[in-house]
């Protein structure tokens, strides 16, 4: 119950009473496709029974990815998951170019759906990293 109350306060703080309550109820009851978020240009689609909802909460409620930039021109999102950080940052800095890379095919498919309506966001399915060679 305490966790739900804290989560509810996050929704209310970030989106106001009416929109925050509506979004809280939608996410809490599993109606997570076509979420219309205040100050976000296009709806966000989340998949049920995945890490999409916890990731959404990290980005838009807990604001864990809130970064203070001075008018960036290009932003790289390596490990872009389903594109939520790219959505947040593109709405905050509409003139910036955002480049997303995601290695997981299922996440990449959802990323494409979430980012299709945005101009200036480019995405590729690929992996970054280093390997150890014997």
N, C-alpha and C. Protein backbone atom coordinates (compact mmCIF):
# COMPACT_ATOMS: atom_id res chain seq x y z
N UNK A 1 0.82 -1.20 0.00
CA UNK A 1 0.00 0.00 0.00
C UNK A 1 0.87 1.26 0.00
N UNK A 2 1.96 1.22 0.79
CA UNK A 2 2.85 2.38 0.86
C UNK A 2 3.47 2.67 -0.51
N UNK A 3 3.85 1.60 -1.21
CA UNK A 3 4.45 1.76 -2.54
C UNK A 3 3.45 2.40 -3.51
N UNK A 4 2.19 1.96 -3.44
CA UNK A 4 1.15 2.52 -4.31
C UNK A 4 0.94 4.01 -4.01
N UNK A 5 0.92 4.37 -2.74
CA UNK A 5 0.72 5.77 -2.36
C UNK A 5 1.88 6.63 -2.86
N UNK A 6 3.09 6.14 -2.71
CA UNK A 6 4.26 6.88 -3.21
C UNK A 6 4.20 7.02 -4.73
N UNK A 7 3.81 5.95 -5.40
CA UNK A 7 3.68 6.00 -6.86
C UNK A 7 2.60 7.01 -7.25
N UNK A 8 1.48 6.99 -6.54
CA UNK A 8 0.38 7.93 -6.83
C UNK A 8 0.86 9.37 -6.66
N UNK A 9 1.61 9.63 -5.62
CA UNK A 9 2.14 10.98 -5.42
C UNK A 9 3.04 11.41 -6.57
N UNK A 10 3.82 10.47 -7.11
CA UNK A 10 4.67 10.77 -8.26
C UNK A 10 3.85 11.15 -9.48
N UNK A 11 2.78 10.42 -9.74
CA UNK A 11 1.90 10.74 -10.87
C UNK A 11 1.27 12.12 -10.68
N UNK A 12 0.78 12.38 -9.47
CA UNK A 12 0.13 13.66 -9.20
C UNK A 12 1.12 14.82 -9.30
N UNK A 13 2.31 14.62 -8.79
CA UNK A 13 3.34 15.67 -8.84
C UNK A 13 3.74 15.99 -10.27
N UNK A 14 3.93 14.96 -11.10
CA UNK A 14 4.42 15.16 -12.46
C UNK A 14 3.35 15.59 -13.45
N UNK A 15 2.09 15.20 -13.22
CA UNK A 15 1.07 15.42 -14.24
C UNK A 15 -0.16 16.17 -13.74
N UNK A 16 -0.19 16.58 -12.49
CA UNK A 16 -1.35 17.26 -11.95
C UNK A 16 -2.41 16.28 -11.49
N UNK A 17 -3.42 16.79 -10.82
CA UNK A 17 -4.41 15.91 -10.19
C UNK A 17 -5.21 15.09 -11.19
N UNK A 18 -5.83 15.75 -12.17
CA UNK A 18 -6.73 15.05 -13.09
C UNK A 18 -5.95 14.12 -14.01
N UNK A 19 -4.95 14.63 -14.72
CA UNK A 19 -4.19 13.79 -15.66
C UNK A 19 -3.38 12.74 -14.91
N UNK A 20 -2.82 13.13 -13.76
CA UNK A 20 -2.05 12.18 -12.96
C UNK A 20 -2.90 11.03 -12.47
N UNK A 21 -4.10 11.33 -12.00
CA UNK A 21 -5.01 10.29 -11.52
C UNK A 21 -5.42 9.36 -12.67
N UNK A 22 -5.73 9.95 -13.81
CA UNK A 22 -6.12 9.14 -14.97
C UNK A 22 -4.98 8.21 -15.41
N UNK A 23 -3.77 8.72 -15.48
CA UNK A 23 -2.63 7.89 -15.88
C UNK A 23 -2.32 6.83 -14.84
N UNK A 24 -2.42 7.18 -13.57
CA UNK A 24 -2.18 6.21 -12.50
C UNK A 24 -3.17 5.05 -12.63
N UNK A 25 -4.43 5.36 -12.82
CA UNK A 25 -5.45 4.31 -12.94
C UNK A 25 -5.22 3.45 -14.18
N UNK A 26 -4.86 4.08 -15.30
CA UNK A 26 -4.60 3.32 -16.53
C UNK A 26 -3.43 2.36 -16.32
N UNK A 27 -2.34 2.85 -15.77
CA UNK A 27 -1.16 1.99 -15.61
C UNK A 27 -1.40 0.94 -14.53
N UNK A 28 -2.12 1.29 -13.50
CA UNK A 28 -2.36 0.34 -12.40
C UNK A 28 -3.31 -0.78 -12.82
N UNK A 29 -4.21 -0.49 -13.74
CA UNK A 29 -5.18 -1.50 -14.17
C UNK A 29 -4.76 -2.21 -15.46
N UNK A 30 -3.61 -1.84 -16.03
CA UNK A 30 -3.10 -2.55 -17.19
C UNK A 30 -3.51 -1.99 -18.54
N UNK A 31 -4.16 -0.85 -18.57
CA UNK A 31 -4.52 -0.21 -19.84
C UNK A 31 -3.35 0.67 -20.27
N UNK A 32 -2.33 0.02 -20.83
CA UNK A 32 -1.07 0.72 -21.05
C UNK A 32 -0.72 0.92 -22.52
N UNK A 33 -1.66 0.71 -23.42
CA UNK A 33 -1.40 1.07 -24.80
C UNK A 33 -1.99 2.44 -25.05
N UNK A 34 -1.33 3.18 -25.88
CA UNK A 34 -1.76 4.54 -26.23
C UNK A 34 -1.89 5.46 -25.01
N UNK A 35 -0.81 5.54 -24.23
CA UNK A 35 -0.81 6.47 -23.09
C UNK A 35 -0.51 7.87 -23.59
N UNK A 36 -1.41 8.80 -23.30
CA UNK A 36 -1.20 10.21 -23.64
C UNK A 36 -0.62 10.90 -22.42
N UNK A 37 0.62 11.33 -22.54
CA UNK A 37 1.36 11.92 -21.43
C UNK A 37 1.41 13.43 -21.63
N UNK A 38 1.10 14.22 -20.60
CA UNK A 38 1.22 15.67 -20.73
C UNK A 38 2.63 16.07 -21.17
N UNK A 39 2.69 17.01 -22.08
CA UNK A 39 3.94 17.55 -22.62
C UNK A 39 4.72 16.56 -23.48
N UNK A 40 4.09 15.47 -23.86
CA UNK A 40 4.69 14.50 -24.78
C UNK A 40 3.85 14.52 -26.05
N UNK A 41 4.50 14.74 -27.16
CA UNK A 41 3.82 15.01 -28.43
C UNK A 41 2.94 13.87 -28.93
N UNK A 42 3.40 12.63 -28.78
CA UNK A 42 2.68 11.48 -29.33
C UNK A 42 2.42 10.43 -28.25
N UNK A 43 1.37 9.63 -28.39
CA UNK A 43 1.09 8.58 -27.40
C UNK A 43 2.23 7.57 -27.30
N UNK A 44 2.33 6.97 -26.13
CA UNK A 44 3.33 5.94 -25.86
C UNK A 44 2.61 4.61 -25.71
N UNK A 45 3.19 3.58 -26.32
CA UNK A 45 2.62 2.24 -26.22
C UNK A 45 3.54 1.35 -25.39
N UNK A 46 2.97 0.70 -24.39
CA UNK A 46 3.72 -0.22 -23.55
C UNK A 46 3.14 -1.62 -23.73
N UNK A 47 3.99 -2.61 -23.56
CA UNK A 47 3.54 -4.01 -23.65
C UNK A 47 3.26 -4.51 -22.24
N UNK A 48 2.25 -5.38 -22.12
CA UNK A 48 1.94 -5.99 -20.83
C UNK A 48 2.95 -7.08 -20.52
N UNK A 49 3.15 -7.33 -19.24
CA UNK A 49 3.99 -8.43 -18.75
C UNK A 49 5.44 -8.34 -19.26
N UNK A 50 5.94 -7.12 -19.35
CA UNK A 50 7.34 -6.89 -19.74
C UNK A 50 7.92 -5.85 -18.78
N UNK A 51 9.12 -5.43 -19.04
CA UNK A 51 9.73 -4.37 -18.24
C UNK A 51 9.31 -2.98 -18.71
N UNK A 52 8.39 -2.89 -19.66
CA UNK A 52 7.99 -1.58 -20.20
C UNK A 52 7.41 -0.65 -19.14
N UNK A 53 6.50 -1.14 -18.32
CA UNK A 53 5.88 -0.27 -17.31
C UNK A 53 6.90 0.20 -16.28
N UNK A 54 7.74 -0.69 -15.71
CA UNK A 54 8.77 -0.19 -14.78
C UNK A 54 9.71 0.82 -15.44
N UNK A 55 10.02 0.62 -16.71
CA UNK A 55 10.88 1.58 -17.42
C UNK A 55 10.15 2.91 -17.59
N UNK A 56 8.87 2.86 -17.93
CA UNK A 56 8.07 4.07 -18.03
C UNK A 56 8.09 4.84 -16.70
N UNK A 57 7.93 4.11 -15.61
CA UNK A 57 7.93 4.75 -14.29
C UNK A 57 9.29 5.40 -14.00
N UNK A 58 10.38 4.73 -14.37
CA UNK A 58 11.71 5.30 -14.16
C UNK A 58 11.89 6.60 -14.93
N UNK A 59 11.42 6.62 -16.18
CA UNK A 59 11.64 7.78 -17.04
C UNK A 59 10.69 8.92 -16.73
N UNK A 60 9.40 8.63 -16.64
CA UNK A 60 8.41 9.71 -16.57
C UNK A 60 7.88 10.03 -15.17
N UNK A 61 8.02 9.11 -14.22
CA UNK A 61 7.53 9.37 -12.87
C UNK A 61 8.69 9.66 -11.92
N UNK A 62 9.65 8.74 -11.87
CA UNK A 62 10.79 8.93 -10.97
C UNK A 62 11.82 9.89 -11.55
N UNK A 63 11.71 10.17 -12.85
CA UNK A 63 12.60 11.13 -13.55
C UNK A 63 14.07 10.75 -13.41
N UNK A 64 14.36 9.45 -13.42
CA UNK A 64 15.72 8.96 -13.27
C UNK A 64 16.61 9.35 -14.45
N UNK A 65 16.00 9.64 -15.59
CA UNK A 65 16.78 9.99 -16.78
C UNK A 65 16.69 11.48 -17.10
N UNK A 66 16.28 12.27 -16.16
CA UNK A 66 16.20 13.72 -16.35
C UNK A 66 17.62 14.28 -16.30
N UNK A 67 18.07 14.77 -17.43
CA UNK A 67 19.44 15.28 -17.55
C UNK A 67 19.36 16.73 -18.00
N UNK A 68 20.16 17.57 -17.40
CA UNK A 68 20.19 18.98 -17.77
C UNK A 68 21.25 19.20 -18.84
N UNK A 69 20.78 19.43 -20.05
CA UNK A 69 21.64 19.73 -21.19
C UNK A 69 21.50 21.20 -21.53
N UNK A 70 22.51 21.74 -22.18
CA UNK A 70 22.44 23.08 -22.74
C UNK A 70 22.26 22.97 -24.24
N UNK A 71 21.02 22.84 -24.68
CA UNK A 71 20.66 22.82 -26.09
C UNK A 71 21.53 21.84 -26.90
N UNK A 72 21.43 20.54 -26.64
CA UNK A 72 22.26 19.58 -27.37
C UNK A 72 21.85 19.49 -28.84
N UNK A 73 22.81 19.17 -29.68
CA UNK A 73 22.55 19.01 -31.11
C UNK A 73 22.31 17.54 -31.46
N UNK A 74 23.08 16.62 -30.81
CA UNK A 74 22.96 15.19 -31.06
C UNK A 74 23.01 14.46 -29.72
N UNK A 75 22.11 13.49 -29.56
CA UNK A 75 22.06 12.69 -28.34
C UNK A 75 22.06 11.22 -28.76
N UNK A 76 22.94 10.44 -28.17
CA UNK A 76 22.99 9.00 -28.42
C UNK A 76 22.31 8.28 -27.28
N UNK A 77 21.45 7.34 -27.61
CA UNK A 77 20.79 6.49 -26.63
C UNK A 77 21.15 5.05 -26.96
N UNK A 78 22.20 4.57 -26.34
CA UNK A 78 22.69 3.21 -26.61
C UNK A 78 22.09 2.27 -25.56
N UNK A 79 21.33 1.31 -26.02
CA UNK A 79 20.54 0.48 -25.13
C UNK A 79 19.20 1.16 -24.95
N UNK A 80 18.59 1.56 -26.05
CA UNK A 80 17.42 2.44 -26.05
C UNK A 80 16.14 1.77 -25.58
N UNK A 81 16.16 0.46 -25.39
CA UNK A 81 14.98 -0.28 -24.92
C UNK A 81 13.82 0.00 -25.86
N UNK A 82 12.72 0.56 -25.38
CA UNK A 82 11.55 0.81 -26.24
C UNK A 82 11.42 2.28 -26.62
N UNK A 83 12.48 3.07 -26.37
CA UNK A 83 12.51 4.45 -26.84
C UNK A 83 12.00 5.51 -25.89
N UNK A 84 11.78 5.18 -24.63
CA UNK A 84 11.17 6.15 -23.71
C UNK A 84 12.08 7.34 -23.40
N UNK A 85 13.37 7.10 -23.21
CA UNK A 85 14.29 8.22 -22.98
C UNK A 85 14.35 9.10 -24.23
N UNK A 86 14.39 8.47 -25.40
CA UNK A 86 14.41 9.25 -26.64
C UNK A 86 13.17 10.13 -26.76
N UNK A 87 12.03 9.60 -26.37
CA UNK A 87 10.79 10.38 -26.39
C UNK A 87 10.88 11.55 -25.42
N UNK A 88 11.33 11.27 -24.22
CA UNK A 88 11.46 12.34 -23.22
C UNK A 88 12.39 13.44 -23.72
N UNK A 89 13.55 13.06 -24.21
CA UNK A 89 14.56 14.05 -24.58
C UNK A 89 14.18 14.79 -25.86
N UNK A 90 13.51 14.11 -26.80
CA UNK A 90 13.09 14.76 -28.04
C UNK A 90 11.99 15.79 -27.77
N UNK A 91 11.12 15.50 -26.82
CA UNK A 91 10.09 16.47 -26.46
C UNK A 91 10.68 17.65 -25.69
N UNK A 92 11.75 17.42 -24.96
CA UNK A 92 12.41 18.49 -24.23
C UNK A 92 13.29 19.34 -25.14
N UNK A 93 13.94 18.70 -26.12
CA UNK A 93 14.84 19.37 -27.05
C UNK A 93 14.44 19.00 -28.48
N UNK A 94 13.39 19.59 -29.02
CA UNK A 94 12.85 19.18 -30.32
C UNK A 94 13.82 19.37 -31.49
N UNK A 95 14.81 20.25 -31.37
CA UNK A 95 15.75 20.47 -32.47
C UNK A 95 16.93 19.50 -32.44
N UNK A 96 17.08 18.74 -31.38
CA UNK A 96 18.19 17.79 -31.28
C UNK A 96 17.92 16.56 -32.15
N UNK A 97 18.98 16.00 -32.68
CA UNK A 97 18.91 14.72 -33.37
C UNK A 97 19.16 13.64 -32.33
N UNK A 98 18.35 12.60 -32.31
CA UNK A 98 18.51 11.52 -31.34
C UNK A 98 18.81 10.24 -32.11
N UNK A 99 19.86 9.56 -31.71
CA UNK A 99 20.26 8.31 -32.35
C UNK A 99 20.12 7.20 -31.32
N UNK A 100 19.27 6.22 -31.63
CA UNK A 100 18.98 5.12 -30.71
C UNK A 100 19.54 3.81 -31.25
N UNK A 101 20.14 3.04 -30.37
CA UNK A 101 20.61 1.71 -30.71
C UNK A 101 20.06 0.74 -29.67
N UNK A 102 19.44 -0.32 -30.14
CA UNK A 102 18.88 -1.33 -29.24
C UNK A 102 19.15 -2.72 -29.82
N UNK A 103 19.76 -3.62 -29.05
CA UNK A 103 20.10 -4.95 -29.58
C UNK A 103 18.96 -5.97 -29.55
N UNK A 104 17.99 -5.81 -28.67
CA UNK A 104 16.94 -6.83 -28.52
C UNK A 104 15.85 -6.64 -29.57
N UNK A 105 15.58 -7.66 -30.39
CA UNK A 105 14.60 -7.50 -31.47
C UNK A 105 13.19 -7.15 -30.99
N UNK A 106 12.72 -7.72 -29.90
CA UNK A 106 11.37 -7.40 -29.41
C UNK A 106 11.29 -5.96 -28.90
N UNK A 107 12.30 -5.54 -28.14
CA UNK A 107 12.34 -4.15 -27.69
C UNK A 107 12.47 -3.20 -28.88
N UNK A 108 13.30 -3.58 -29.86
CA UNK A 108 13.48 -2.73 -31.04
C UNK A 108 12.17 -2.57 -31.80
N UNK A 109 11.39 -3.63 -31.92
CA UNK A 109 10.10 -3.55 -32.59
C UNK A 109 9.18 -2.55 -31.89
N UNK A 110 9.16 -2.59 -30.56
CA UNK A 110 8.34 -1.65 -29.79
C UNK A 110 8.89 -0.23 -29.90
N UNK A 111 10.21 -0.10 -29.90
CA UNK A 111 10.86 1.20 -30.09
C UNK A 111 10.41 1.82 -31.41
N UNK A 112 10.41 1.04 -32.48
CA UNK A 112 9.97 1.55 -33.78
C UNK A 112 8.54 2.08 -33.72
N UNK A 113 7.67 1.36 -33.04
CA UNK A 113 6.27 1.80 -32.91
C UNK A 113 6.18 3.11 -32.13
N UNK A 114 6.95 3.21 -31.05
CA UNK A 114 6.88 4.40 -30.21
C UNK A 114 7.51 5.63 -30.87
N UNK A 115 8.50 5.42 -31.73
CA UNK A 115 9.23 6.56 -32.30
C UNK A 115 8.82 6.91 -33.72
N UNK A 116 7.97 6.12 -34.33
CA UNK A 116 7.61 6.31 -35.75
C UNK A 116 7.07 7.71 -36.05
N UNK A 117 6.37 8.32 -35.14
CA UNK A 117 5.74 9.62 -35.39
C UNK A 117 6.71 10.80 -35.24
N UNK A 118 7.90 10.54 -34.74
CA UNK A 118 8.86 11.62 -34.48
C UNK A 118 9.83 11.80 -35.64
N UNK A 119 10.08 13.06 -35.97
CA UNK A 119 11.15 13.40 -36.91
C UNK A 119 12.42 13.64 -36.10
N UNK A 120 13.55 13.35 -36.70
CA UNK A 120 14.82 13.63 -36.03
C UNK A 120 15.25 12.60 -35.01
N UNK A 121 14.59 11.44 -35.02
CA UNK A 121 15.04 10.32 -34.21
C UNK A 121 15.36 9.18 -35.16
N UNK A 122 16.58 8.70 -35.06
CA UNK A 122 17.04 7.62 -35.92
C UNK A 122 17.33 6.41 -35.05
N UNK A 123 17.01 5.22 -35.54
CA UNK A 123 17.20 4.02 -34.72
C UNK A 123 17.73 2.87 -35.55
N UNK A 124 18.46 2.04 -34.88
CA UNK A 124 19.11 0.89 -35.51
C UNK A 124 19.15 -0.26 -34.52
N UNK A 125 18.95 -1.46 -35.03
CA UNK A 125 19.09 -2.62 -34.16
C UNK A 125 20.55 -3.07 -34.26
N UNK A 126 21.24 -3.00 -33.16
CA UNK A 126 22.66 -3.36 -33.10
C UNK A 126 23.07 -3.45 -31.65
N UNK A 127 24.26 -3.99 -31.43
CA UNK A 127 24.80 -4.10 -30.08
C UNK A 127 26.12 -3.36 -30.00
N UNK A 128 26.36 -2.71 -28.88
CA UNK A 128 27.64 -2.09 -28.58
C UNK A 128 28.28 -2.91 -27.48
N UNK A 129 29.56 -2.83 -27.40
CA UNK A 129 30.23 -3.49 -26.28
C UNK A 129 31.61 -3.97 -26.67
N UNK A 130 32.21 -4.60 -25.72
CA UNK A 130 33.53 -5.16 -25.94
C UNK A 130 33.46 -6.64 -25.63
N UNK A 131 34.33 -7.35 -26.20
CA UNK A 131 34.39 -8.79 -25.94
C UNK A 131 35.78 -9.19 -25.49
N UNK A 132 35.85 -10.30 -24.84
CA UNK A 132 37.13 -10.84 -24.41
C UNK A 132 37.47 -11.99 -25.35
N UNK A 133 38.63 -11.88 -25.91
CA UNK A 133 39.05 -12.90 -26.87
C UNK A 133 40.09 -13.79 -26.24
N UNK A 134 39.96 -15.07 -26.42
CA UNK A 134 40.94 -16.03 -25.89
C UNK A 134 42.09 -16.22 -26.84
